[in-house]
């Protein structure tokens, strides 16, 4: 009952703002490296990036001759390809901004946000504290300790949170009865409009919400 009241309160708060929220479409980007030179192609909005068509004779290898971060998509070594920047998905079915799905998703994201630990001064230049992370350009790499099924508990709202993180960086999140999509990139976890740092902690990790200095949750494997 306590969780339901909190969730309904959250829904009431976010419902009005969602009515005016525009739909953000996937963005198509072509990026080309010339004369084996590094090239950064800026994008309008950050999102999960997929290579959809390789145009060059040179191989486009993620983490070696192409990758992406919050600034955009970069290519190197004569890689030339078409990419898709996926919008930040909230719920299944790509109906993030339609009626009840939008309200429930945003309310669930708010619950995840509420379990963030106070933001630290660590800029995460050490790349997830993993000595095998690789060179600094490989921002989409996930170390093994970050891949798998994890669960956490929001003590403030009495809500269980589950995350399934795949090797390609995609995330499926479950907050009570609401399913969310997200991804990991460059030391950050993205769920809807919320962004978190990820810090290794034992066999799991803590999430640190950017801009939120409240509460803490620990995620462990299950």
Protein backbone atom coordinates (compact mmCIF):
# COMPACT_ATOMS: atom_id res chain seq x y z
CA UNK A 1 0.00 0.00 0.00
CA UNK A 2 2.85 2.38 0.89
CA UNK A 3 4.47 1.76 -2.50
CA UNK A 4 1.17 2.27 -4.33
CA UNK A 5 0.61 5.63 -2.66
CA UNK A 6 4.13 6.77 -3.52
CA UNK A 7 3.76 5.57 -7.10
CA UNK A 8 0.41 7.31 -7.53
CA UNK A 9 1.89 10.51 -6.13
CA UNK A 10 4.75 10.27 -8.59
CA UNK A 11 2.30 9.64 -11.45
CA UNK A 12 0.29 12.72 -10.49
CA UNK A 13 3.43 14.86 -10.53
CA UNK A 14 4.80 13.66 -13.88
CA UNK A 15 1.53 13.15 -15.74
CA UNK A 16 1.00 16.79 -16.66
CA UNK A 17 4.52 17.30 -17.98
CA UNK A 18 4.33 14.22 -20.19
CA UNK A 19 1.39 15.62 -22.12
CA UNK A 20 3.65 18.18 -23.76
CA UNK A 21 6.71 15.91 -24.19
CA UNK A 22 7.64 15.52 -27.88
CA UNK A 23 8.33 12.12 -29.41
CA UNK A 24 12.04 11.72 -30.13
CA UNK A 25 12.67 9.65 -33.25
CA UNK A 26 15.70 7.51 -33.94
CA UNK A 27 18.50 9.46 -35.61
CA UNK A 28 20.39 8.25 -38.71
CA UNK A 29 24.08 9.21 -38.90
CA UNK A 30 26.74 8.54 -41.53
CA UNK A 31 30.31 8.87 -40.32
CA UNK A 32 33.46 8.52 -42.46
CA UNK A 33 37.16 8.33 -41.66
CA UNK A 34 39.37 9.72 -44.44
CA UNK A 35 43.06 8.90 -44.89
CA UNK A 36 42.98 6.75 -41.76
CA UNK A 37 42.15 9.83 -39.66
CA UNK A 38 40.00 9.98 -36.53
CA UNK A 39 36.61 11.62 -37.10
CA UNK A 40 33.97 12.57 -34.50
CA UNK A 41 30.40 12.89 -35.80
CA UNK A 42 28.17 14.79 -33.39
CA UNK A 43 24.62 13.64 -32.67
CA UNK A 44 21.59 15.65 -31.56
CA UNK A 45 20.67 13.42 -28.64
CA UNK A 46 22.49 10.69 -26.77
CA UNK A 47 21.18 7.16 -27.22
CA UNK A 48 22.15 3.56 -27.87
CA UNK A 49 24.06 3.33 -31.19
CA UNK A 50 23.90 0.52 -33.76
CA UNK A 51 25.94 0.11 -36.94
CA UNK A 52 23.43 -0.68 -39.70
CA UNK A 53 25.51 -0.50 -42.89
CA UNK A 54 29.25 -0.69 -43.49
CA UNK A 55 30.26 1.33 -46.57
CA UNK A 56 34.05 1.09 -46.43
CA UNK A 57 36.39 -1.65 -47.58
CA UNK A 58 38.16 -1.27 -44.26
CA UNK A 59 36.51 -3.16 -41.40
CA UNK A 60 34.46 -1.16 -38.90
CA UNK A 61 35.17 -2.83 -35.56
CA UNK A 62 33.45 -1.47 -32.50
CA UNK A 63 35.93 -0.31 -29.90
CA UNK A 64 38.76 -0.29 -32.41
CA UNK A 65 37.72 1.70 -35.48
CA UNK A 66 34.38 3.05 -34.24
CA UNK A 67 32.49 3.65 -31.03
CA UNK A 68 30.26 6.25 -29.37
CA UNK A 69 29.93 8.30 -26.21
CA UNK A 70 27.94 11.30 -24.98
CA UNK A 71 29.54 13.57 -27.61
CA UNK A 72 28.67 11.46 -30.64
CA UNK A 73 29.99 8.67 -32.86
CA UNK A 74 33.66 8.41 -33.80
CA UNK A 75 35.35 6.47 -36.60
CA UNK A 76 39.00 5.82 -37.42
CA UNK A 77 41.18 3.72 -39.74
CA UNK A 78 39.08 4.47 -42.87
CA UNK A 79 35.88 3.11 -41.34
CA UNK A 80 32.83 4.52 -43.16
CA UNK A 81 29.39 3.43 -42.06
CA UNK A 82 25.74 4.28 -41.40
CA UNK A 83 24.59 4.26 -37.79
CA UNK A 84 21.28 4.57 -35.94
CA UNK A 85 21.05 6.43 -32.64
CA UNK A 86 18.07 4.90 -30.86
CA UNK A 87 15.84 7.13 -28.79
CA UNK A 88 15.83 6.46 -25.08
CA UNK A 89 13.21 3.75 -24.71
CA UNK A 90 11.10 3.61 -21.60
CA UNK A 91 8.70 0.72 -22.06
CA UNK A 92 8.14 -2.23 -24.37
CA UNK A 93 6.41 -1.68 -27.70
CA UNK A 94 8.00 1.71 -28.48
CA UNK A 95 5.00 3.51 -26.97
CA UNK A 96 6.97 5.50 -24.47
CA UNK A 97 4.99 8.72 -24.78
CA UNK A 98 1.48 7.30 -25.16
CA UNK A 99 -0.92 7.63 -22.24
CA UNK A 100 -0.57 5.23 -19.33
CA UNK A 101 2.68 3.67 -20.60
CA UNK A 102 4.42 7.04 -20.44
CA UNK A 103 3.14 7.85 -16.96
CA UNK A 104 3.97 4.43 -15.52
CA UNK A 105 7.43 4.43 -17.11
CA UNK A 106 8.33 7.88 -15.83
CA UNK A 107 7.04 7.01 -12.36
CA UNK A 108 9.18 3.87 -12.33
CA UNK A 109 12.22 5.83 -13.50
CA UNK A 110 11.62 8.21 -10.62
CA UNK A 111 11.73 5.26 -8.22
CA UNK A 112 15.06 4.15 -9.68
CA UNK A 113 16.31 7.72 -9.39
CA UNK A 114 15.35 7.81 -5.73
CA UNK A 115 17.72 4.97 -4.88
CA UNK A 116 20.83 6.76 -6.12
CA UNK A 117 23.81 7.22 -3.81
CA UNK A 118 25.26 10.72 -3.32
CA UNK A 119 27.32 11.72 -6.37
CA UNK A 120 31.05 11.34 -5.87
CA UNK A 121 33.90 13.48 -7.16
CA UNK A 122 35.34 10.52 -9.09
CA UNK A 123 35.27 11.34 -12.81
CA UNK A 124 35.56 7.62 -13.65
CA UNK A 125 38.62 8.10 -15.82
CA UNK A 126 39.78 4.70 -14.61
CA UNK A 127 36.99 3.07 -16.65
CA UNK A 128 34.91 1.05 -14.20
CA UNK A 129 37.93 0.26 -12.01
CA UNK A 130 38.74 -2.61 -14.39
CA UNK A 131 42.40 -2.93 -15.40
CA UNK A 132 41.39 -4.85 -18.52
CA UNK A 133 39.03 -2.13 -19.71
CA UNK A 134 41.09 -1.32 -22.80
CA UNK A 135 42.07 1.97 -24.38
CA UNK A 136 40.10 5.08 -23.46
CA UNK A 137 38.21 5.19 -26.75
CA UNK A 138 36.35 1.95 -26.15
CA UNK A 139 33.46 3.56 -24.32
CA UNK A 140 30.90 0.83 -25.09
CA UNK A 141 32.95 -1.98 -23.54
CA UNK A 142 31.42 -3.72 -20.52
CA UNK A 143 33.64 -5.68 -18.11
CA UNK A 144 32.37 -9.09 -17.07
CA UNK A 145 31.36 -8.01 -13.58
CA UNK A 146 28.80 -5.64 -15.08
CA UNK A 147 27.06 -8.24 -17.29
CA UNK A 148 24.24 -10.39 -15.93
CA UNK A 149 21.16 -10.24 -13.72
CA UNK A 150 21.09 -7.92 -10.72
CA UNK A 151 18.57 -6.96 -8.06
CA UNK A 152 18.31 -4.06 -5.66
CA UNK A 153 15.85 -2.78 -3.10
CA UNK A 154 14.61 0.77 -2.72
CA UNK A 155 14.29 1.16 1.04
CA UNK A 156 12.67 4.58 0.79
CA UNK A 157 9.75 3.35 -1.32
CA UNK A 158 9.80 -0.35 -0.52
CA UNK A 159 10.28 -1.25 -4.20
CA UNK A 160 12.23 -4.09 -5.74
CA UNK A 161 14.33 -3.24 -8.81
CA UNK A 162 15.80 -5.80 -11.21
CA UNK A 163 18.30 -5.13 -14.00
CA UNK A 164 19.37 -7.47 -16.79
CA UNK A 165 22.51 -6.16 -18.51
CA UNK A 166 23.68 -7.81 -21.74
CA UNK A 167 27.18 -7.81 -23.25
CA UNK A 168 26.18 -5.25 -25.89
CA UNK A 169 25.26 -2.75 -23.16
CA UNK A 170 21.49 -3.02 -23.39
CA UNK A 171 19.49 -3.05 -20.17
CA UNK A 172 16.08 -4.42 -19.26
CA UNK A 173 14.80 -3.05 -15.99
CA UNK A 174 11.82 -4.15 -13.91
CA UNK A 175 10.40 -1.89 -11.21
CA UNK A 176 7.47 -3.70 -9.63
CA UNK A 177 5.12 -4.24 -12.63
CA UNK A 178 6.74 -1.75 -15.01
CA UNK A 179 9.31 -2.79 -17.62
CA UNK A 180 11.92 -0.31 -18.81
CA UNK A 181 14.71 -0.29 -21.38
CA UNK A 182 18.09 1.38 -21.12
CA UNK A 183 21.77 0.96 -21.87
CA UNK A 184 25.28 1.41 -20.49
CA UNK A 185 27.90 3.59 -22.17
CA UNK A 186 31.09 5.30 -21.05
CA UNK A 187 30.65 4.52 -17.37
CA UNK A 188 27.03 5.61 -17.22
CA UNK A 189 23.71 3.83 -17.02
CA UNK A 190 20.82 5.41 -18.92
CA UNK A 191 17.18 4.65 -18.06
CA UNK A 192 14.71 6.98 -19.74
CA UNK A 193 15.79 10.53 -18.93
CA UNK A 194 17.75 9.51 -15.83
CA UNK A 195 21.54 9.05 -15.91
CA UNK A 196 23.68 7.22 -13.36
CA UNK A 197 27.34 6.53 -12.76
CA UNK A 198 28.10 2.88 -12.07
CA UNK A 199 30.53 1.99 -9.30
CA UNK A 200 31.68 -1.55 -8.65
CA UNK A 201 30.89 -2.82 -5.16
CA UNK A 202 31.79 -6.39 -4.26
CA UNK A 203 30.07 -8.81 -6.63
CA UNK A 204 27.63 -6.13 -7.76
CA UNK A 205 27.55 -2.34 -8.05
CA UNK A 206 26.04 0.89 -6.76
CA UNK A 207 24.37 3.46 -8.99
CA UNK A 208 25.12 7.16 -8.59
CA UNK A 209 22.52 9.43 -10.12
CA UNK A 210 23.93 12.50 -11.79
CA UNK A 211 22.56 15.60 -10.07
CA UNK A 212 20.86 13.72 -7.22
CA UNK A 213 22.46 13.69 -3.76
CA UNK A 214 20.13 11.37 -1.93
CA UNK A 215 19.65 7.73 -0.93
CA UNK A 216 21.57 4.61 -1.89
CA UNK A 217 20.95 1.15 -3.32
CA UNK A 218 23.29 -1.77 -3.89
CA UNK A 219 22.70 -4.17 -6.77
CA UNK A 220 23.76 -7.79 -6.33
CA UNK A 221 23.61 -10.80 -8.67
CA UNK A 222 20.75 -13.25 -8.60
